[in-house]
C-alpha atoms as a PDB file:
ATOM      1  CA  MET A   1     -25.457  10.371  11.216  1.00  0.00           C
ATOM      2  CA  ALA A   2     -24.147  13.102  13.509  1.00  0.00           C
ATOM      3  CA  ASP A   3     -24.861  16.748  12.811  1.00  0.00           C
ATOM      4  CA  SER A   4     -22.204  17.895  10.356  1.00  0.00           C
ATOM      5  CA  ALA A   5     -22.637  21.138   8.451  1.00  0.00           C
ATOM      6  CA  ASP A   6     -19.835  20.329   6.045  1.00  0.00           C
ATOM      7  CA  PRO A   7     -19.185  16.631   5.354  1.00  0.00           C
ATOM      8  CA  ARG A   8     -15.685  16.148   4.008  1.00  0.00           C
ATOM      9  CA  ALA A   9     -13.523  13.507   2.363  1.00  0.00           C
ATOM     10  CA  VAL A  10      -9.752  13.580   2.835  1.00  0.00           C
ATOM     11  CA  THR A  11      -6.853  11.526   1.503  1.00  0.00           C
ATOM     12  CA  VAL A  12      -3.774  10.805   3.620  1.00  0.00           C
ATOM     13  CA  ALA A  13      -0.940  10.677   1.121  1.00  0.00           C
ATOM     14  CA  LEU A  14       2.729  11.114   0.387  1.00  0.00           C
ATOM     15  CA  GLN A  15       4.681   9.655  -2.506  1.00  0.00           C
ATOM     16  CA  LYS A  16       7.227   8.175  -0.114  1.00  0.00           C
ATOM     17  CA  GLY A  17       6.882   5.136   2.118  1.00  0.00           C
ATOM     18  CA  GLY A  18       7.787   4.866   5.771  1.00  0.00           C
ATOM     19  CA  VAL A  19       6.299   8.190   6.896  1.00  0.00           C
ATOM     20  CA  GLY A  20       3.497   6.782   9.060  1.00  0.00           C
ATOM     21  CA  LYS A  21       0.758   7.475   6.527  1.00  0.00           C
ATOM     22  CA  THR A  22      -1.417   4.589   7.685  1.00  0.00           C
ATOM     23  CA  THR A  23      -1.006   5.500  11.358  1.00  0.00           C
ATOM     24  CA  VAL A  24      -2.286   9.002  10.625  1.00  0.00           C
ATOM     25  CA  ALA A  25      -5.211   7.701   8.535  1.00  0.00           C
ATOM     26  CA  ILE A  26      -6.407   5.185  11.136  1.00  0.00           C
ATOM     27  CA  ASN A  27      -6.088   7.496  14.097  1.00  0.00           C
ATOM     28  CA  VAL A  28      -7.574  10.603  12.489  1.00  0.00           C
ATOM     29  CA  ALA A  29     -10.543   8.466  11.422  1.00  0.00           C
ATOM     30  CA  GLU A  30     -10.902   7.162  14.981  1.00  0.00           C
ATOM     31  CA  ARG A  31     -10.656  10.666  16.502  1.00  0.00           C
ATOM     32  CA  LEU A  32     -13.377  11.905  14.140  1.00  0.00           C
ATOM     33  CA  HIS A  33     -15.542   8.982  15.222  1.00  0.00           C
ATOM     34  CA  ALA A  34     -14.830   9.801  18.881  1.00  0.00           C
ATOM     35  CA  ARG A  35     -16.326  13.256  18.233  1.00  0.00           C
ATOM     36  CA  GLY A  36     -19.622  11.643  17.304  1.00  0.00           C
ATOM     37  CA  HIS A  37     -19.229  11.504  13.536  1.00  0.00           C
ATOM     38  CA  ASP A  38     -19.985   8.628  11.201  1.00  0.00           C
ATOM     39  CA  VAL A  39     -16.660   7.820   9.536  1.00  0.00           C
ATOM     40  CA  LEU A  40     -15.560   5.555   6.687  1.00  0.00           C
ATOM     41  CA  LEU A  41     -11.904   4.564   6.275  1.00  0.00           C
ATOM     42  CA  VAL A  42     -11.025   3.455   2.729  1.00  0.00           C
ATOM     43  CA  ASP A  43      -7.789   1.478   2.357  1.00  0.00           C
ATOM     44  CA  LEU A  44      -6.467   2.010  -1.180  1.00  0.00           C
ATOM     45  CA  ASP A  45      -2.917   0.926  -0.351  1.00  0.00           C
ATOM     46  CA  GLN A  46      -2.201  -2.399  -2.029  1.00  0.00           C
ATOM     47  CA  GLN A  47      -0.182  -3.473   1.023  1.00  0.00           C
ATOM     48  CA  GLY A  48      -3.318  -3.419   3.176  1.00  0.00           C
ATOM     49  CA  ASN A  49      -1.676  -1.921   6.241  1.00  0.00           C
ATOM     50  CA  ALA A  50      -4.719   0.085   7.338  1.00  0.00           C
ATOM     51  CA  THR A  51      -6.854  -3.015   6.917  1.00  0.00           C
ATOM     52  CA  GLU A  52      -4.499  -4.948   9.213  1.00  0.00           C
ATOM     53  CA  GLY A  53      -4.312  -2.018  11.600  1.00  0.00           C
ATOM     54  CA  VAL A  54      -8.030  -2.115  12.372  1.00  0.00           C
ATOM     55  CA  GLY A  55      -8.191  -5.896  12.706  1.00  0.00           C
ATOM     56  CA  LEU A  56      -9.660  -6.733   9.293  1.00  0.00           C
ATOM     57  CA  GLY A  57      -6.749  -8.607   7.748  1.00  0.00           C
ATOM     58  CA  ASP A  58      -8.991 -11.570   6.884  1.00  0.00           C
ATOM     59  CA  HIS A  59     -10.875  -9.397   4.399  1.00  0.00           C
ATOM     60  CA  TYR A  60      -7.773  -8.795   2.281  1.00  0.00           C
ATOM     61  CA  GLU A  61      -8.769 -11.849   0.219  1.00  0.00           C
ATOM     62  CA  ALA A  62     -12.516 -11.198   0.063  1.00  0.00           C
ATOM     63  CA  ASP A  63     -14.532 -12.292  -2.969  1.00  0.00           C
ATOM     64  CA  ALA A  64     -15.229  -8.733  -4.157  1.00  0.00           C
ATOM     65  CA  ASN A  65     -13.150  -5.564  -4.453  1.00  0.00           C
ATOM     66  CA  LEU A  66     -13.425  -2.015  -5.774  1.00  0.00           C
ATOM     67  CA  GLY A  67     -12.886  -3.186  -9.334  1.00  0.00           C
ATOM     68  CA  ASP A  68     -16.197  -5.055  -9.102  1.00  0.00           C
ATOM     69  CA  VAL A  69     -17.984  -1.913  -7.917  1.00  0.00           C
ATOM     70  CA  TRP A  70     -17.284  -0.049 -11.153  1.00  0.00           C
ATOM     71  CA  ASP A  71     -17.499  -3.100 -13.425  1.00  0.00           C
ATOM     72  CA  PRO A  72     -20.673  -2.599 -15.498  1.00  0.00           C
ATOM     73  CA  ASP A  73     -21.155  -6.383 -15.635  1.00  0.00           C
ATOM     74  CA  SER A  74     -21.103  -6.730 -11.822  1.00  0.00           C
ATOM     75  CA  ASP A  75     -23.893  -6.104  -9.324  1.00  0.00           C
ATOM     76  CA  VAL A  76     -21.464  -5.383  -6.465  1.00  0.00           C
ATOM     77  CA  GLU A  77     -22.077  -1.994  -4.834  1.00  0.00           C
ATOM     78  CA  ILE A  78     -19.725  -0.012  -2.611  1.00  0.00           C
ATOM     79  CA  THR A  79     -21.871  -0.777   0.441  1.00  0.00           C
ATOM     80  CA  ASP A  80     -21.210  -4.491  -0.130  1.00  0.00           C
ATOM     81  CA  LEU A  81     -17.523  -3.903   0.616  1.00  0.00           C
ATOM     82  CA  VAL A  82     -18.019  -1.942   3.847  1.00  0.00           C
ATOM     83  CA  ARG A  83     -17.039  -3.705   7.070  1.00  0.00           C
ATOM     84  CA  GLU A  84     -17.842  -2.451  10.559  1.00  0.00           C
ATOM     85  CA  THR A  85     -15.441  -1.992  13.443  1.00  0.00           C
ATOM     86  CA  GLU A  86     -16.192  -0.434  16.829  1.00  0.00           C
ATOM     87  CA  TRP A  87     -14.315   2.724  15.762  1.00  0.00           C
ATOM     88  CA  MET A  88     -15.317   3.304  12.155  1.00  0.00           C
ATOM     89  CA  ASP A  89     -16.580   1.569   9.035  1.00  0.00           C
ATOM     90  CA  VAL A  90     -13.913   0.346   6.627  1.00  0.00           C
ATOM     91  CA  VAL A  91     -13.553  -0.512   2.963  1.00  0.00           C
ATOM     92  CA  PRO A  92     -10.638  -2.949   3.244  1.00  0.00           C
ATOM     93  CA  SER A  93      -7.734  -3.214   0.869  1.00  0.00           C
ATOM     94  CA  HIS A  94      -7.596  -6.262  -1.400  1.00  0.00           C
ATOM     95  CA  ARG A  95      -4.926  -8.512  -2.836  1.00  0.00           C
ATOM     96  CA  ASP A  96      -6.103  -7.592  -6.358  1.00  0.00           C
ATOM     97  CA  LEU A  97      -5.739  -3.807  -6.023  1.00  0.00           C
ATOM     98  CA  ASP A  98      -2.689  -3.891  -8.291  1.00  0.00           C
ATOM     99  CA  GLU A  99      -4.906  -5.356 -11.013  1.00  0.00           C
ATOM    100  CA  VAL A 100      -7.575  -2.738 -10.251  1.00  0.00           C
ATOM    101  CA  GLU A 101      -4.966  -0.014 -10.660  1.00  0.00           C
ATOM    102  CA  ASN A 102      -3.895  -1.455 -14.012  1.00  0.00           C
ATOM    103  CA  GLN A 103      -7.530  -1.334 -15.134  1.00  0.00           C
ATOM    104  CA  LEU A 104      -7.750   2.334 -14.144  1.00  0.00           C
ATOM    105  CA  ARG A 105      -4.579   3.077 -16.100  1.00  0.00           C
ATOM    106  CA  THR A 106      -6.255   2.032 -19.343  1.00  0.00           C
ATOM    107  CA  SER A 107      -9.803   3.214 -18.560  1.00  0.00           C
ATOM    108  CA  ALA A 108     -11.459   6.385 -19.734  1.00  0.00           C
ATOM    109  CA  TYR A 109     -12.206   8.613 -16.743  1.00  0.00           C
ATOM    110  CA  GLY A 110     -10.423   6.210 -14.402  1.00  0.00           C
ATOM    111  CA  VAL A 111      -9.301   9.165 -12.307  1.00  0.00           C
ATOM    112  CA  THR A 112     -12.940   9.879 -11.355  1.00  0.00           C
ATOM    113  CA  ARG A 113     -13.766   6.390 -10.079  1.00  0.00           C
ATOM    114  CA  ILE A 114     -13.293   7.051  -6.353  1.00  0.00           C
ATOM    115  CA  ARG A 115     -15.451  10.170  -6.543  1.00  0.00           C
ATOM    116  CA  ASN A 116     -18.184   8.565  -8.637  1.00  0.00           C
ATOM    117  CA  TYR A 117     -18.383   5.217  -6.875  1.00  0.00           C
ATOM    118  CA  VAL A 118     -17.240   5.909  -3.303  1.00  0.00           C
ATOM    119  CA  VAL A 119     -17.389   9.566  -2.273  1.00  0.00           C
ATOM    120  CA  ASP A 120     -20.502  10.794  -4.087  1.00  0.00           C
ATOM    121  CA  PRO A 121     -22.744   7.841  -3.082  1.00  0.00           C
ATOM    122  CA  LEU A 122     -21.702   7.859   0.587  1.00  0.00           C
ATOM    123  CA  LEU A 123     -20.484  11.271   1.768  1.00  0.00           C
ATOM    124  CA  GLY A 124     -23.201  13.279   3.465  1.00  0.00           C
ATOM    125  CA  ASP A 125     -25.860  10.565   3.202  1.00  0.00           C
ATOM    126  CA  GLU A 126     -24.106   7.719   5.016  1.00  0.00           C
ATOM    127  CA  TYR A 127     -20.949   9.319   6.423  1.00  0.00           C
ATOM    128  CA  ASP A 128     -19.859  12.676   7.792  1.00  0.00           C
ATOM    129  CA  TYR A 129     -16.226  11.981   6.892  1.00  0.00           C
ATOM    130  CA  ILE A 130     -14.415   9.655   4.528  1.00  0.00           C
ATOM    131  CA  VAL A 131     -10.693   9.118   5.151  1.00  0.00           C
ATOM    132  CA  VAL A 132      -8.687   7.470   2.358  1.00  0.00           C
ATOM    133  CA  ASP A 133      -5.328   5.793   2.958  1.00  0.00           C
ATOM    134  CA  SER A 134      -3.603   6.299  -0.392  1.00  0.00           C
ATOM    135  CA  PRO A 135      -0.910   4.174  -2.038  1.00  0.00           C
ATOM    136  CA  PRO A 136       2.614   5.529  -1.345  1.00  0.00           C
ATOM    137  CA  SER A 137       3.350   6.177  -5.013  1.00  0.00           C
ATOM    138  CA  ILE A 138       2.016   8.215  -7.897  1.00  0.00           C
ATOM    139  CA  GLY A 139      -0.432   6.238 -10.000  1.00  0.00           C
ATOM    140  CA  PRO A 140      -4.093   5.905 -10.997  1.00  0.00           C
ATOM    141  CA  LEU A 141      -5.336   4.853  -7.555  1.00  0.00           C
ATOM    142  CA  SER A 142      -3.508   7.701  -5.847  1.00  0.00           C
ATOM    143  CA  ASP A 143      -4.720  10.206  -8.445  1.00  0.00           C
ATOM    144  CA  SER A 144      -8.269   8.912  -8.142  1.00  0.00           C
ATOM    145  CA  ALA A 145      -8.142   9.281  -4.348  1.00  0.00           C
ATOM    146  CA  LEU A 146      -7.005  12.908  -4.604  1.00  0.00           C
ATOM    147  CA  VAL A 147      -9.564  13.751  -7.279  1.00  0.00           C
ATOM    148  CA  GLY A 148     -12.266  12.013  -5.273  1.00  0.00           C
ATOM    149  CA  THR A 149     -11.592  13.759  -1.974  1.00  0.00           C
ATOM    150  CA  GLN A 150      -9.962  17.043  -3.142  1.00  0.00           C
ATOM    151  CA  ASN A 151      -8.400  17.348   0.331  1.00  0.00           C
ATOM    152  CA  VAL A 152      -5.138  15.844   1.564  1.00  0.00           C
ATOM    153  CA  LEU A 153      -3.236  15.420   4.817  1.00  0.00           C
ATOM    154  CA  VAL A 154       0.498  14.955   4.171  1.00  0.00           C
ATOM    155  CA  PRO A 155       2.508  13.039   6.798  1.00  0.00           C
ATOM    156  CA  LEU A 156       6.214  13.911   6.705  1.00  0.00           C
ATOM    157  CA  LYS A 157       9.251  12.569   8.448  1.00  0.00           C
ATOM    158  CA  MET A 158      11.628  15.422   9.110  1.00  0.00           C
ATOM    159  CA  ARG A 159      14.201  14.074   6.668  1.00  0.00           C
ATOM    160  CA  GLU A 160      15.191  15.273   3.212  1.00  0.00           C
ATOM    161  CA  ALA A 161      13.842  12.137   1.498  1.00  0.00           C
ATOM    162  CA  SER A 162      10.398  12.835   2.887  1.00  0.00           C
ATOM    163  CA  ILE A 163      10.492  16.510   1.923  1.00  0.00           C
ATOM    164  CA  SER A 164      11.603  15.498  -1.590  1.00  0.00           C
ATOM    165  CA  GLY A 165       8.623  13.130  -1.732  1.00  0.00           C
ATOM    166  CA  PHE A 166       6.308  16.040  -0.962  1.00  0.00           C
ATOM    167  CA  GLN A 167       7.946  18.187  -3.631  1.00  0.00           C
ATOM    168  CA  ARG A 168       7.439  15.399  -6.179  1.00  0.00           C
ATOM    169  CA  MET A 169       3.823  15.074  -5.100  1.00  0.00           C
ATOM    170  CA  VAL A 170       3.244  18.793  -5.690  1.00  0.00           C
ATOM    171  CA  GLU A 171       5.104  18.946  -9.001  1.00  0.00           C
ATOM    172  CA  GLN A 172       4.063  15.621 -10.521  1.00  0.00           C
ATOM    173  CA  GLN A 173       0.589  15.171  -9.104  1.00  0.00           C
ATOM    174  CA  LEU A 174      -1.127  18.151  -7.453  1.00  0.00           C
ATOM    175  CA  GLN A 175      -0.006  20.755  -9.955  1.00  0.00           C
ATOM    176  CA  PRO A 176      -0.880  18.680 -13.072  1.00  0.00           C
ATOM    177  CA  LEU A 177      -4.296  17.869 -11.600  1.00  0.00           C
ATOM    178  CA  ARG A 178      -4.900  21.598 -11.208  1.00  0.00           C
ATOM    179  CA  ASP A 179      -3.363  22.744 -14.495  1.00  0.00           C
ATOM    180  CA  GLU A 180      -4.658  19.963 -16.737  1.00  0.00           C
ATOM    181  CA  GLY A 181      -7.830  18.879 -15.000  1.00  0.00           C
ATOM    182  CA  GLY A 182      -8.924  22.017 -13.191  1.00  0.00           C
ATOM    183  CA  ILE A 183      -8.982  20.095  -9.908  1.00  0.00           C
ATOM    184  CA  ASP A 184      -7.561  22.026  -6.982  1.00  0.00           C
ATOM    185  CA  VAL A 185      -6.638  19.562  -4.238  1.00  0.00           C
ATOM    186  CA  ARG A 186      -6.355  21.419  -0.936  1.00  0.00           C
ATOM    187  CA  VAL A 187      -3.463  20.499   1.365  1.00  0.00           C
ATOM    188  CA  LEU A 188      -5.238  20.662   4.721  1.00  0.00           C
ATOM    189  CA  ALA A 189      -2.077  20.124   6.773  1.00  0.00           C
ATOM    190  CA  LEU A 190       1.520  19.002   6.687  1.00  0.00           C
ATOM    191  CA  VAL A 191       1.978  16.567   9.555  1.00  0.00           C
ATOM    192  CA  PRO A 192       5.528  16.137  10.922  1.00  0.00           C
ATOM    193  CA  ASN A 193       5.459  12.517  12.077  1.00  0.00           C
ATOM    194  CA  ILE A 194       7.568   9.978  13.992  1.00  0.00           C
ATOM    195  CA  LEU A 195       9.719  12.714  15.527  1.00  0.00           C
ATOM    196  CA  GLU A 196      12.404  11.805  18.045  1.00  0.00           C
ATOM    197  CA  GLY A 197      14.043  15.174  18.753  1.00  0.00           C
ATOM    198  CA  ASP A 198      17.229  15.935  16.828  1.00  0.00           C
ATOM    199  CA  GLY A 199      18.766  18.908  15.068  1.00  0.00           C
ATOM    200  CA  GLU A 200      17.704  17.799  11.599  1.00  0.00           C
ATOM    201  CA  GLU A 201      14.054  17.808  12.657  1.00  0.00           C
ATOM    202  CA  LYS A 202      14.419  21.316  14.030  1.00  0.00           C
ATOM    203  CA  ARG A 203      16.101  22.540  10.841  1.00  0.00           C
ATOM    204  CA  ILE A 204      13.445  21.112   8.534  1.00  0.00           C
ATOM    205  CA  ILE A 205      10.517  22.414  10.581  1.00  0.00           C
ATOM    206  CA  ARG A 206      12.053  25.870  10.474  1.00  0.00           C
ATOM    207  CA  ASP A 207      12.614  25.516   6.730  1.00  0.00           C
ATOM    208  CA  ILE A 208       8.897  24.733   6.312  1.00  0.00           C
ATOM    209  CA  GLU A 209       8.053  27.773   8.430  1.00  0.00           C
ATOM    210  CA  ASP A 210      10.097  29.878   6.004  1.00  0.00           C
ATOM    211  CA  SER A 211       8.336  28.391   2.965  1.00  0.00           C
ATOM    212  CA  PRO A 212       4.978  29.061   1.273  1.00  0.00           C
ATOM    213  CA  TRP A 213       3.654  26.019   3.151  1.00  0.00           C
ATOM    214  CA  ALA A 214       4.118  27.542   6.616  1.00  0.00           C
ATOM    215  CA  ASP A 215       0.390  28.041   7.133  1.00  0.00           C
ATOM    216  CA  ARG A 216      -0.201  24.293   6.666  1.00  0.00           C
ATOM    217  CA  LEU A 217       1.654  23.381   9.876  1.00  0.00           C
ATOM    218  CA  PRO A 218      -0.709  22.681  12.788  1.00  0.00           C
ATOM    219  CA  ALA A 219       0.022  24.492  16.049  1.00  0.00           C
ATOM    220  CA  PHE A 220       1.464  21.341  17.645  1.00  0.00           C
ATOM    221  CA  ALA A 221       4.013  20.996  14.812  1.00  0.00           C
ATOM    222  CA  ARG A 222       5.646  24.414  14.927  1.00  0.00           C
ATOM    223  CA  SER A 223       9.171  25.190  16.089  1.00  0.00           C
ATOM    224  CA  GLU A 224       7.997  27.046  19.194  1.00  0.00           C
ATOM    225  CA  MET A 225       7.084  23.618  20.556  1.00  0.00           C
ATOM    226  CA  PHE A 226      10.805  22.808  20.829  1.00  0.00           C
ATOM    227  CA  ASP A 227      10.802  24.883  24.017  1.00  0.00           C
ATOM    228  CA  GLY A 228       8.512  22.416  25.785  1.00  0.00           C
ATOM    229  CA  SER A 229       7.923  18.716  26.229  1.00  0.00           C
ATOM    230  CA  PRO A 230       7.324  16.471  24.318  1.00  0.00           C
ATOM    231  CA  GLY A 231       8.391  18.723  21.429  1.00  0.00           C
ATOM    232  CA  PRO A 232       6.680  19.390  18.084  1.00  0.00           C
ATOM    233  CA  GLY A 233       4.895  17.007  15.747  1.00  0.00           C
ATOM    234  CA  LEU A 234       3.557  13.527  16.241  1.00  0.00           C
ATOM    235  CA  ARG A 235       6.229  11.907  18.370  1.00  0.00           C
ATOM    236  CA  LYS A 236       7.636   8.425  17.999  1.00  0.00           C
ATOM    237  CA  ARG A 237       5.834   6.220  20.516  1.00  0.00           C
ATOM    238  CA  VAL A 238       6.069   2.474  21.002  1.00  0.00           C
ATOM    239  CA  ALA A 239       2.322   2.444  21.605  1.00  0.00           C
ATOM    240  CA  PHE A 240       1.596   3.258  17.935  1.00  0.00           C
ATOM    241  CA  GLY A 241       3.268   0.030  16.816  1.00  0.00           C
ATOM    242  CA  ARG A 242       1.739  -2.035  19.588  1.00  0.00           C
ATOM    243  CA  ALA A 243      -1.740  -0.711  18.812  1.00  0.00           C
ATOM    244  CA  TYR A 244      -1.238  -1.621  15.158  1.00  0.00           C
ATOM    245  CA  ARG A 245      -0.220  -5.176  16.072  1.00  0.00           C
ATOM    246  CA  GLU A 246      -3.353  -5.467  18.196  1.00  0.00           C
ATOM    247  CA  GLY A 247      -5.463  -4.280  15.257  1.00  0.00           C
ATOM    248  CA  GLU A 248      -6.797  -1.184  16.969  1.00  0.00           C
ATOM    249  CA  PRO A 249      -6.303   2.607  17.005  1.00  0.00           C
ATOM    250  CA  LEU A 250      -4.063   4.265  19.564  1.00  0.00           C
ATOM    251  CA  ALA A 251      -6.948   5.459  21.757  1.00  0.00           C
ATOM    252  CA  ALA A 252      -8.246   1.902  22.172  1.00  0.00           C
ATOM    253  CA  TYR A 253      -4.796   0.600  23.094  1.00  0.00           C
ATOM    254  CA  ASP A 254      -3.580   3.474  25.289  1.00  0.00           C
ATOM    255  CA  SER A 255      -6.291   5.955  26.213  1.00  0.00           C
ATOM    256  CA  ASP A 256      -3.833   8.150  28.155  1.00  0.00           C
ATOM    257  CA  ASN A 257      -1.201   8.457  25.437  1.00  0.00           C
ATOM    258  CA  ASP A 258       0.268  11.949  25.156  1.00  0.00           C
ATOM    259  CA  GLN A 259      -0.182  11.989  21.374  1.00  0.00           C
ATOM    260  CA  LEU A 260      -3.976  11.742  21.450  1.00  0.00           C
ATOM    261  CA  PRO A 261      -4.476  15.508  21.907  1.00  0.00           C
ATOM    262  CA  ARG A 262      -2.415  16.046  18.765  1.00  0.00           C
ATOM    263  CA  LEU A 263      -4.468  13.547  16.820  1.00  0.00           C
ATOM    264  CA  ASP A 264      -7.519  15.433  18.080  1.00  0.00           C
ATOM    265  CA  GLU A 265      -6.005  18.611  16.626  1.00  0.00           C
ATOM    266  CA  LEU A 266      -5.708  16.865  13.261  1.00  0.00           C
ATOM    267  CA  ALA A 267      -9.329  15.758  13.492  1.00  0.00           C
ATOM    268  CA  ASP A 268     -10.177  19.395  14.165  1.00  0.00           C
ATOM    269  CA  VAL A 269      -8.228  20.417  11.040  1.00  0.00           C
ATOM    270  CA  VAL A 270     -10.299  17.968   8.980  1.00  0.00           C
ATOM    271  CA  GLU A 271     -13.532  19.271  10.495  1.00  0.00           C
ATOM    272  CA  ARG A 272     -12.620  22.887   9.778  1.00  0.00           C
ATOM    273  CA  GLY A 273     -11.170  22.195   6.325  1.00  0.00           C
ATOM    274  CA  GLY A 274      -7.669  23.449   7.081  1.00  0.00           C
ATOM    275  CA  VAL A 275      -5.251  24.559   9.780  1.00  0.00           C
ATOM    276  CA  ASP A 276      -6.519  28.154   9.851  1.00  0.00           C
ATOM    277  CA  ALA A 277      -9.938  27.660   8.295  1.00  0.00           C
END
């Protein structure tokens, strides 16, 4: 394991699909690995997109899944689910994650399962960083991911539907976890994603800068970047989709891509524990 004074787990989440959540999770995990860290990517999204995106689609129908790890009648351990890639280790998604989520819904302390059975056994001893790709909806798996990591990166398209999804996440998930469970999940960064360069994007970024969340915008995502090229945020690039289809992170597919420095900035945010930490 690389020297890491402060091992950290982080969930990539938004309660709205189509915002590039999986792209951020895969590539931040890869950039952390590129810095010499031992990294585990955990795919909790029932659709298995992160699993496909790192070339492990065949494991979507494996014999064991997370439900077996916390089943008292099973001898499956979390390390039995881990698969290696050249960029990071991965706990793949599974076709039965919907059933696992239903079990959590009716289980006592279900919200603590990711912390007790994934994060606590592995973070610091086996891995410097654990990156969780969360389901795109509020539910037991998503709650358990946030409780388990207590840090979140929030990818946002610069559209009202995406901003509304973040507001719902704060009001229906983050705030109740804090008020009712005493669990303060830190928003490490808001990540404007898939930007193409239009007036609506500019308006929403400036709205964020005028909000209490302004200090969660990384330097590459701020409105002052409109004065240069390629503009603020993670930009829309064909290479992201092509890398996904090849089952590899962006850096493996296109090592000269102009978005890699911005992904490095996000890795830096995770290392520091926040944009201005």
